Amino acid sequence: MRSLLWLFDNIITLYVYLLIASAVLSWLVAFNVVNVRNPIVSQIGEFLFRVTEPALRPIRRILPNLGGIDISPIILVLGLFFLRNLVFELFASVA
């Protein structure tokens, strides 16, 4: 059972890192630090978009328009941390 918890924890941690990378890349593109015409940047951006957008889209639909500020990654990270702690507490009470 511990190995499943370890795997679950690492998957959530990896996804949080992908969310952070996606947010940083979007800032770099918005401030013209990186060029999206570069094939490597384009492929990385496309990968991060495809991985993170399905989880962020429902949150963005619920949130009101904040005038260019997107807090959906923060809400998703908090939700993932909550889910991780909840699962650990449930399995700790069982064991």
Foldseek 3Di string as FASTA:
>chain_A
DVVVLVVLVVVLVVVLVLLVVQVVLVVCVVVVVDDCVPVVSVVSNVVSCVSPVVVQVVVVVPDDDPPPDDCSSVVVNVVSVVVSVVVVVVVVVVD
